[in-house]
Amino acid sequence: MTEAATLPRPAPTRRRRIPDLLHRTAFRRYWAAQTVSLLGDQVSVLAMPLLAALSIGAGPVEMGYLTAAALLPNLFFSLPAGAWVDRYPRKRRLMVAADLGRAALLLAVPMLWWVNALSLPLLYAVAFLAGTLSVVFEVAASSLFASLVPRSDYVRANSLLNGSRALSYLVGPSVGGVLVQVFTAPFALVADVLSYLASAALLSRTDITEGPVDHTPGPRLAAGVRYVAGSPILRAILLGTTTLNLFNYIFAALFILYVTKDLHVAPGTLGLVIGAGAAGGLLGAALAGPISRRIGIGPALILGLVAFPAPLILVPLAGGPPPVVLALLFAAEFVSALGVMLLDITSGSVQTAATPQAMLAVVAGFNRTVNYGIRPLGAVLGGALGATIGIRPALWIATVGALLGTLWVLFSPLRTMRQLPEH
């Protein structure tokens, strides 16, 4: 044996530091496309409202319309889009087309602004159409995921994807703020345009054998609803997360008002606390796999349903000296971000495993319709409760009520589920 042959090789050590899934070219490109797009989206989340407020003069009512325009496609089109995507054989092409369409729509905004032709109705239209394409992209992505990832790797793959989402929440707003300050809000949107183009390029180079196309006769929308309603696993997850979302959006409608007016926290300080708390999402993404393997996928999901809303009880409890208030707010944000990652990773993995591949898009569309549809209702209910009984009592109702979502899964097969289910 030669001396060279006995020397240690560093390459395998380096490879072990990178998750195995990212050594698979197809998944790596899929993950990279999602990651770059998520980062770009966080720029738009900041830049679009700033553009409306600072460049077009939108007031509170107009800002509400802009937010609604972006959300309404989730309510109107998620289920029909899912039914259509399940019967379309080339889902990757749909995702590429959605990326290119969103890039074109957002690129039109700075161009219209440059020629002084941008108006609020046009901005509403862009937000609505981009939101519609996002619905198509997301329901197609749920189906493509199952073609890319072996069943045994669902939790690991979802941990990587949700880790990217947590990172985008942590980094994206800061990057967006710098871009808006340096280039102005209209041209900051170009960063999101570039992210969509990069996503489209990565997906177009992803070599993948896509799953089966559903040719079952009859209306697909009703079939998706029936399948979820008839599955004790999917039904419990949907009811649990919908209950959680209802109360969480009651909380979200009042949180900033309560913290700034009642707790006297400055907006800039609150932004730093929320941004720092988002790091909990990265920790949650890293821990989801080990926790699921240790206690079982079902109990881990239930833990996420508790760990997401329970820390928010610290918000109506907060009081005393400013450092104590800020510490409680940070703890609430950090642990809640950890919990939501644990919930999203485990629930996404279970839902994929429990659904036939040919029905993944329509089931995802139905879940998206219900979960997104309940959010505006929660926000409106939160405003009404805050005005009627006071903000702090309403926050108590929101934080305690959100824990009721756990009851749906406690009395389901998820309570004792150790491994991913069969569909």
Protein backbone atom coordinates (compact mmCIF):
# COMPACT_ATOMS: atom_id res chain seq x y z
CA MET A 1 0.00 0.00 0.00
CA THR A 2 1.43 3.40 -0.95
CA GLU A 3 1.75 6.31 1.44
CA ALA A 4 -0.72 8.32 -0.63
CA ALA A 5 -3.30 5.60 -0.23
CA THR A 6 -3.14 5.86 3.55
CA LEU A 7 -3.78 9.61 3.68
CA PRO A 8 -7.24 10.64 4.90
CA ARG A 9 -9.66 11.92 2.27
CA PRO A 10 -11.50 15.13 3.19
CA ALA A 11 -14.22 14.84 0.57
CA PRO A 12 -16.45 12.29 2.37
CA THR A 13 -16.25 14.43 5.54
CA ARG A 14 -17.40 17.47 3.63
CA ARG A 15 -20.22 15.50 2.04
CA ARG A 16 -21.46 14.37 5.45
CA ARG A 17 -21.91 18.00 6.44
CA ILE A 18 -24.39 18.47 3.61
CA PRO A 19 -27.78 16.71 3.94
CA ASP A 20 -27.96 13.62 1.74
CA LEU A 21 -30.99 14.96 -0.12
CA LEU A 22 -28.99 17.92 -1.40
CA HIS A 23 -26.56 15.54 -3.11
CA ARG A 24 -29.46 14.52 -5.38
CA THR A 25 -29.41 16.94 -8.29
CA ALA A 26 -33.15 17.00 -8.95
CA PHE A 27 -34.13 17.71 -5.35
CA ARG A 28 -31.28 20.19 -4.90
CA ARG A 29 -32.57 22.26 -7.84
CA TYR A 30 -36.16 22.01 -6.57
CA TRP A 31 -35.05 23.14 -3.10
CA ALA A 32 -32.85 25.92 -4.48
CA ALA A 33 -35.72 27.18 -6.65
CA GLN A 34 -38.01 27.34 -3.61
CA THR A 35 -35.33 28.99 -1.48
CA VAL A 36 -34.47 31.81 -3.88
CA SER A 37 -38.15 32.44 -4.57
CA LEU A 38 -39.00 32.64 -0.85
CA LEU A 39 -36.24 35.20 -0.28
CA GLY A 40 -37.50 37.29 -3.19
CA ASP A 41 -41.07 37.10 -1.90
CA GLN A 42 -40.03 38.65 1.40
CA VAL A 43 -38.72 41.66 -0.50
CA SER A 44 -42.12 42.09 -2.17
CA VAL A 45 -43.95 41.67 1.14
CA LEU A 46 -42.22 44.85 2.27
CA ALA A 47 -41.79 46.70 -1.02
CA MET A 48 -45.34 46.38 -2.38
CA PRO A 49 -47.12 48.03 0.60
CA LEU A 50 -44.41 50.71 0.80
CA LEU A 51 -44.88 51.41 -2.89
CA ALA A 52 -48.63 51.77 -2.40
CA ALA A 53 -48.27 54.01 0.66
CA LEU A 54 -45.33 56.19 -0.36
CA SER A 55 -45.55 56.40 -4.14
CA ILE A 56 -49.31 56.22 -4.79
CA GLY A 57 -50.67 57.63 -1.52
CA ALA A 58 -52.68 54.62 -0.35
CA GLY A 59 -54.49 54.98 2.99
CA PRO A 60 -55.59 52.30 5.47
CA VAL A 61 -58.59 51.23 3.37
CA GLU A 62 -56.52 50.94 0.21
CA MET A 63 -53.84 48.97 2.05
CA GLY A 64 -56.53 46.56 3.18
CA TYR A 65 -57.69 46.14 -0.40
CA LEU A 66 -54.12 45.44 -1.52
CA THR A 67 -53.71 42.74 1.14
CA ALA A 68 -57.07 41.22 0.22
CA ALA A 69 -56.21 41.22 -3.49
CA ALA A 70 -53.16 39.07 -2.81
CA LEU A 71 -55.03 36.65 -0.50
CA LEU A 72 -58.33 36.17 -2.32
CA PRO A 73 -56.94 33.81 -5.01
CA ASN A 74 -56.16 31.31 -2.25
CA LEU A 75 -59.82 31.26 -1.30
CA PHE A 76 -61.28 31.29 -4.82
CA PHE A 77 -58.86 29.19 -6.87
CA SER A 78 -56.98 26.73 -4.64
CA LEU A 79 -59.47 23.88 -5.00
CA PRO A 80 -60.17 24.34 -8.75
CA ALA A 81 -56.44 24.72 -9.42
CA GLY A 82 -55.70 21.54 -7.49
CA ALA A 83 -58.33 19.59 -9.44
CA TRP A 84 -56.89 20.83 -12.73
CA VAL A 85 -53.24 20.25 -11.78
CA ASP A 86 -53.92 16.62 -10.84
CA ARG A 87 -55.04 15.99 -14.42
CA TYR A 88 -52.20 17.90 -16.05
CA PRO A 89 -49.25 15.61 -16.86
CA ARG A 90 -46.39 18.15 -16.71
CA LYS A 91 -46.59 19.85 -13.35
CA ARG A 92 -43.00 21.07 -13.49
CA ARG A 93 -43.85 23.08 -16.61
CA LEU A 94 -46.78 24.64 -14.78
CA MET A 95 -44.44 25.79 -12.02
CA VAL A 96 -42.00 27.26 -14.55
CA ALA A 97 -44.86 29.06 -16.32
CA ALA A 98 -46.14 30.40 -12.98
CA ASP A 99 -42.66 31.72 -12.14
CA LEU A 100 -42.30 33.44 -15.51
CA GLY A 101 -45.80 34.90 -15.24
CA ARG A 102 -45.14 36.33 -11.79
CA ALA A 103 -41.83 37.77 -12.96
CA ALA A 104 -43.56 39.54 -15.86
CA LEU A 105 -46.30 40.93 -13.60
CA LEU A 106 -43.88 42.32 -11.05
CA LEU A 107 -41.58 43.73 -13.71
CA ALA A 108 -44.52 45.71 -15.07
CA VAL A 109 -44.84 47.60 -11.76
CA PRO A 110 -41.57 49.59 -11.86
CA MET A 111 -42.02 50.10 -15.61
CA LEU A 112 -45.49 51.59 -15.11
CA TRP A 113 -44.20 53.68 -12.22
CA TRP A 114 -41.32 54.95 -14.35
CA VAL A 115 -43.72 56.30 -17.00
CA ASN A 116 -46.08 57.67 -14.30
CA ALA A 117 -48.86 55.26 -15.28
CA LEU A 118 -49.08 53.17 -12.10
CA SER A 119 -52.35 53.37 -10.16
CA LEU A 120 -53.88 51.56 -7.22
CA PRO A 121 -56.32 49.54 -9.38
CA LEU A 122 -53.38 48.34 -11.48
CA LEU A 123 -51.47 47.42 -8.32
CA TYR A 124 -54.51 45.49 -7.06
CA ALA A 125 -54.64 43.64 -10.38
CA VAL A 126 -50.97 42.73 -10.21
CA ALA A 127 -51.34 41.47 -6.63
CA PHE A 128 -54.42 39.41 -7.56
CA LEU A 129 -52.92 37.86 -10.70
CA ALA A 130 -49.59 37.15 -9.01
CA GLY A 131 -51.48 35.54 -6.12
CA THR A 132 -53.41 33.37 -8.59
CA LEU A 133 -50.18 32.16 -10.20
CA SER A 134 -48.78 31.48 -6.73
CA VAL A 135 -51.74 29.19 -6.04
CA VAL A 136 -50.99 27.20 -9.21
CA PHE A 137 -47.31 27.02 -8.29
CA GLU A 138 -47.95 25.82 -4.74
CA VAL A 139 -50.49 23.10 -5.54
CA ALA A 140 -48.26 21.82 -8.37
CA ALA A 141 -45.26 21.86 -6.02
CA SER A 142 -47.06 19.60 -3.54
CA SER A 143 -47.55 17.00 -6.26
CA LEU A 144 -44.03 17.32 -7.68
CA PHE A 145 -42.60 16.89 -4.17
CA ALA A 146 -43.87 13.30 -4.00
CA SER A 147 -42.22 12.52 -7.35
CA LEU A 148 -38.88 13.90 -6.16
CA VAL A 149 -38.65 12.61 -2.60
CA PRO A 150 -38.78 8.99 -1.40
CA ARG A 151 -41.39 8.36 1.25
CA SER A 152 -38.72 7.68 3.89
CA ASP A 153 -37.29 11.18 3.34
CA TYR A 154 -40.51 13.23 3.58
CA VAL A 155 -39.67 14.70 7.00
CA ARG A 156 -36.06 15.49 6.05
CA ALA A 157 -37.13 17.12 2.79
CA ASN A 158 -39.84 19.18 4.48
CA SER A 159 -37.31 20.23 7.12
CA LEU A 160 -35.02 21.61 4.41
CA LEU A 161 -37.85 23.41 2.62
CA ASN A 162 -39.28 24.89 5.80
CA GLY A 163 -35.80 25.81 6.97
CA SER A 164 -35.51 27.93 3.83
CA ARG A 165 -38.83 29.54 4.68
CA ALA A 166 -37.64 30.32 8.22
CA LEU A 167 -34.42 31.78 6.82
CA SER A 168 -36.40 33.98 4.44
CA TYR A 169 -38.40 35.38 7.37
CA LEU A 170 -35.16 36.10 9.20
CA VAL A 171 -33.15 37.62 6.33
CA GLY A 172 -35.70 38.74 3.75
CA PRO A 173 -37.20 41.79 5.49
CA SER A 174 -33.75 43.20 6.27
CA VAL A 175 -32.61 42.76 2.68
CA GLY A 176 -35.89 44.21 1.46
CA GLY A 177 -35.52 47.25 3.69
CA VAL A 178 -32.03 47.96 2.36
CA LEU A 179 -33.17 47.54 -1.25
CA VAL A 180 -36.13 49.86 -0.74
CA GLN A 181 -33.91 52.47 0.88
CA VAL A 182 -31.21 52.28 -1.82
CA PHE A 183 -33.25 51.70 -4.97
CA THR A 184 -36.78 52.89 -3.90
CA ALA A 185 -39.76 50.55 -3.50
CA PRO A 186 -40.66 50.12 -7.21
CA PHE A 187 -37.18 49.00 -8.22
CA ALA A 188 -36.73 46.85 -5.12
CA LEU A 189 -39.38 44.60 -6.70
CA VAL A 190 -36.83 43.72 -9.38
CA ALA A 191 -35.15 41.50 -6.76
CA ASP A 192 -38.30 39.36 -6.64
CA VAL A 193 -38.44 39.35 -10.45
CA LEU A 194 -34.90 37.96 -10.52
CA SER A 195 -35.80 35.36 -7.90
CA TYR A 196 -38.68 34.08 -10.05
CA LEU A 197 -36.44 33.91 -13.11
CA ALA A 198 -33.82 32.00 -11.12
CA SER A 199 -36.51 29.62 -9.83
CA ALA A 200 -37.80 29.04 -13.36
CA ALA A 201 -34.27 28.35 -14.62
CA LEU A 202 -33.59 25.84 -11.86
CA LEU A 203 -36.90 24.03 -12.32
CA SER A 204 -36.53 23.88 -16.09
CA ARG A 205 -33.22 22.02 -15.58
CA THR A 206 -34.70 19.57 -13.07
CA ASP A 207 -34.82 16.12 -14.63
CA ILE A 208 -37.67 14.20 -13.06
CA THR A 209 -40.12 11.44 -13.86
CA GLU A 210 -43.43 12.84 -12.73
CA GLY A 211 -46.05 10.82 -10.92
CA PRO A 212 -49.30 9.43 -12.28
CA VAL A 213 -52.03 11.63 -13.73
CA ASP A 214 -55.50 11.14 -12.33
CA HIS A 215 -57.98 9.99 -14.99
CA THR A 216 -60.82 9.14 -12.61
CA PRO A 217 -64.12 10.23 -14.18
CA GLY A 218 -66.36 12.67 -12.39
CA PRO A 219 -65.87 16.06 -10.72
CA ARG A 220 -62.43 16.31 -9.14
CA LEU A 221 -63.34 19.06 -6.69
CA ALA A 222 -65.90 16.87 -4.92
CA ALA A 223 -63.51 13.91 -4.96
CA GLY A 224 -60.87 15.91 -3.12
CA VAL A 225 -63.35 17.07 -0.48
CA ARG A 226 -64.69 13.54 -0.03
CA TYR A 227 -61.23 12.06 0.35
CA VAL A 228 -60.22 14.49 3.10
CA ALA A 229 -63.57 14.15 4.86
CA GLY A 230 -63.32 10.35 4.75
CA SER A 231 -59.76 10.14 6.07
CA PRO A 232 -59.55 10.29 9.89
CA ILE A 233 -55.95 11.48 9.59
CA LEU A 234 -56.39 14.23 7.01
CA ARG A 235 -59.69 15.33 8.54
CA ALA A 236 -58.14 15.69 11.99
CA ILE A 237 -55.17 17.70 10.68
CA LEU A 238 -57.42 20.01 8.66
CA LEU A 239 -59.81 20.65 11.56
CA GLY A 240 -56.96 21.13 14.02
CA THR A 241 -54.99 23.57 11.89
CA THR A 242 -58.11 25.46 10.81
CA THR A 243 -59.13 25.96 14.44
CA LEU A 244 -55.60 27.12 15.20
CA ASN A 245 -55.61 29.53 12.25
CA LEU A 246 -58.95 31.04 13.23
CA PHE A 247 -57.72 31.99 16.69
CA ASN A 248 -54.21 32.84 15.52
CA TYR A 249 -55.59 35.46 13.14
CA ILE A 250 -57.72 36.89 15.94
CA PHE A 251 -54.37 37.28 17.73
CA ALA A 252 -52.59 38.67 14.65
CA ALA A 253 -55.24 41.36 14.14
CA LEU A 254 -54.60 42.78 17.62
CA PHE A 255 -50.96 41.95 18.37
CA ILE A 256 -49.19 45.01 16.94
CA LEU A 257 -51.83 47.41 18.26
CA TYR A 258 -51.60 45.93 21.76
CA VAL A 259 -47.80 45.84 21.89
CA THR A 260 -47.33 49.39 20.60
CA LYS A 261 -50.26 51.08 22.40
CA ASP A 262 -50.63 49.14 25.64
CA LEU A 263 -47.09 47.88 26.20
CA HIS A 264 -45.51 51.04 24.69
CA VAL A 265 -42.96 49.18 22.58
CA ALA A 266 -41.54 51.30 19.75
CA PRO A 267 -42.19 49.94 16.23
CA GLY A 268 -38.47 49.69 15.47
CA THR A 269 -37.83 47.75 18.66
CA LEU A 270 -40.77 45.46 17.94
CA GLY A 271 -39.38 44.76 14.48
CA LEU A 272 -36.04 43.73 15.98
CA VAL A 273 -37.76 41.45 18.50
CA ILE A 274 -39.87 39.76 15.82
CA GLY A 275 -36.87 39.38 13.52
CA ALA A 276 -34.72 37.86 16.26
CA GLY A 277 -37.58 35.59 17.33
CA ALA A 278 -37.81 34.23 13.78
CA ALA A 279 -34.54 32.39 14.48
CA GLY A 280 -36.70 29.92 16.40
CA GLY A 281 -38.00 28.76 13.04
CA LEU A 282 -34.52 27.67 11.99
CA LEU A 283 -34.15 25.69 15.21
CA GLY A 284 -37.58 24.13 14.69
CA ALA A 285 -36.66 23.04 11.17
CA ALA A 286 -33.48 21.41 12.50
CA LEU A 287 -35.25 19.63 15.37
CA ALA A 288 -38.34 18.38 13.53
CA GLY A 289 -36.65 15.24 12.22
CA PRO A 290 -34.98 14.15 15.48
CA ILE A 291 -38.14 14.86 17.49
CA SER A 292 -40.29 12.89 15.03
CA ARG A 293 -37.94 9.92 15.19
CA ARG A 294 -37.77 10.06 18.99
CA ILE A 295 -41.44 10.37 19.94
CA GLY A 296 -43.19 9.45 16.67
CA ILE A 297 -44.54 11.54 13.80
CA GLY A 298 -48.06 11.85 15.27
CA PRO A 299 -47.00 12.99 18.76
CA ALA A 300 -44.51 15.40 17.14
CA LEU A 301 -47.37 16.92 15.15
CA ILE A 302 -49.43 17.30 18.32
CA LEU A 303 -46.44 18.90 20.03
CA GLY A 304 -46.27 21.42 17.17
CA LEU A 305 -49.97 22.20 17.57
CA VAL A 306 -49.27 23.08 21.21
CA ALA A 307 -45.86 24.74 20.84
CA PHE A 308 -47.08 27.12 18.12
CA PRO A 309 -49.86 28.94 20.05
CA ALA A 310 -48.99 28.23 23.71
CA PRO A 311 -46.00 30.64 23.98
CA LEU A 312 -48.18 33.50 22.72
CA ILE A 313 -49.89 33.47 26.12
CA LEU A 314 -46.81 35.42 27.25
CA VAL A 315 -48.05 38.43 25.25
CA PRO A 316 -51.16 39.26 27.32
CA LEU A 317 -49.12 38.26 30.40
CA ALA A 318 -46.35 40.74 29.57
CA GLY A 319 -45.88 43.65 31.92
CA GLY A 320 -43.39 45.36 34.21
CA PRO A 321 -40.10 47.00 33.27
CA PRO A 322 -39.35 47.34 29.53
CA PRO A 323 -36.55 44.69 29.57
CA VAL A 324 -38.99 42.16 31.05
CA VAL A 325 -41.63 43.00 28.44
CA LEU A 326 -39.14 42.64 25.60
CA ALA A 327 -37.82 39.36 27.00
CA LEU A 328 -41.35 37.92 27.18
CA LEU A 329 -42.16 39.09 23.66
CA PHE A 330 -38.93 37.58 22.34
CA ALA A 331 -39.61 34.27 24.11
CA ALA A 332 -43.15 34.20 22.68
CA GLU A 333 -41.92 34.83 19.13
CA PHE A 334 -38.96 32.45 19.35
CA VAL A 335 -40.79 29.41 20.75
CA SER A 336 -43.85 30.03 18.59
CA ALA A 337 -41.66 30.13 15.47
CA LEU A 338 -40.10 26.84 16.56
CA GLY A 339 -43.55 25.34 17.06
CA VAL A 340 -44.92 26.41 13.69
CA MET A 341 -41.95 24.83 11.91
CA LEU A 342 -42.46 21.58 13.81
CA LEU A 343 -46.16 21.62 12.94
CA ASP A 344 -45.69 22.49 9.27
CA ILE A 345 -42.98 19.88 8.69
CA THR A 346 -44.79 17.02 10.39
CA SER A 347 -48.26 17.85 9.07
CA GLY A 348 -46.94 18.33 5.53
CA SER A 349 -45.17 14.97 5.66
CA VAL A 350 -48.20 13.13 7.05
CA GLN A 351 -50.57 14.72 4.54
CA THR A 352 -48.34 13.75 1.62
CA ALA A 353 -47.97 10.17 2.87
CA ALA A 354 -51.71 9.80 3.55
CA THR A 355 -52.80 11.02 0.10
CA PRO A 356 -52.63 9.11 -3.20
CA GLN A 357 -50.09 10.81 -5.45
CA ALA A 358 -52.67 11.36 -8.20
CA MET A 359 -54.79 13.39 -5.74
CA LEU A 360 -52.08 15.45 -4.03
CA ALA A 361 -52.86 18.70 -5.83
CA VAL A 362 -56.62 18.67 -5.30
CA VAL A 363 -56.21 17.69 -1.62
CA ALA A 364 -53.64 20.47 -1.17
CA GLY A 365 -56.04 22.86 -2.90
CA PHE A 366 -58.90 21.95 -0.59
CA ASN A 367 -56.73 22.29 2.51
CA ARG A 368 -55.46 25.65 1.25
CA THR A 369 -59.01 26.87 0.58
CA VAL A 370 -60.18 26.07 4.10
CA ASN A 371 -57.04 27.23 5.92
CA TYR A 372 -56.69 30.47 4.00
CA GLY A 373 -60.42 31.07 3.95
CA ILE A 374 -60.62 31.07 7.75
CA ARG A 375 -57.89 33.69 8.16
CA PRO A 376 -59.82 36.81 7.07
CA LEU A 377 -62.72 35.63 9.26
CA GLY A 378 -60.36 35.40 12.23
CA ALA A 379 -58.97 38.87 11.56
CA VAL A 380 -62.46 40.40 11.36
CA LEU A 381 -63.55 38.54 14.51
CA GLY A 382 -60.41 39.76 16.28
CA GLY A 383 -61.23 43.38 15.49
CA ALA A 384 -64.80 42.93 16.70
CA LEU A 385 -63.70 41.27 19.95
CA GLY A 386 -61.06 43.93 20.59
CA ALA A 387 -63.63 46.68 20.16
CA THR A 388 -66.26 44.91 22.28
CA ILE A 389 -64.43 43.40 25.26
CA GLY A 390 -61.02 45.07 25.01
CA ILE A 391 -57.78 44.09 23.34
CA ARG A 392 -56.15 42.22 26.23
CA PRO A 393 -59.18 39.98 26.96
CA ALA A 394 -59.48 39.28 23.24
CA LEU A 395 -55.82 38.22 23.17
CA TRP A 396 -56.49 35.82 26.04
CA ILE A 397 -59.36 34.28 24.06
CA ALA A 398 -57.14 34.01 20.99
CA THR A 399 -54.18 32.39 22.72
CA VAL A 400 -56.18 29.93 24.81
CA GLY A 401 -58.67 29.20 22.02
CA ALA A 402 -55.90 28.30 19.59
CA LEU A 403 -55.01 25.36 21.82
CA LEU A 404 -58.45 23.86 21.13
CA GLY A 405 -57.13 22.75 17.76
CA THR A 406 -55.18 20.07 19.61
CA LEU A 407 -58.41 18.29 20.59
CA TRP A 408 -59.13 17.31 16.97
CA VAL A 409 -55.87 15.34 16.71
CA LEU A 410 -55.82 13.98 20.27
CA PHE A 411 -58.86 11.87 19.43
CA SER A 412 -57.51 10.61 16.09
CA PRO A 413 -55.03 7.95 14.96
CA LEU A 414 -52.31 10.62 15.10
CA ARG A 415 -52.07 10.29 18.88
CA THR A 416 -50.30 6.92 18.63
CA MET A 417 -48.82 7.20 15.13
CA ARG A 418 -45.10 6.40 15.12
CA GLN A 419 -44.41 6.22 11.39
CA LEU A 420 -45.82 7.92 8.30
CA PRO A 421 -49.24 6.48 7.40
CA GLU A 422 -50.25 4.55 4.30
CA HIS A 423 -52.96 5.97 2.06
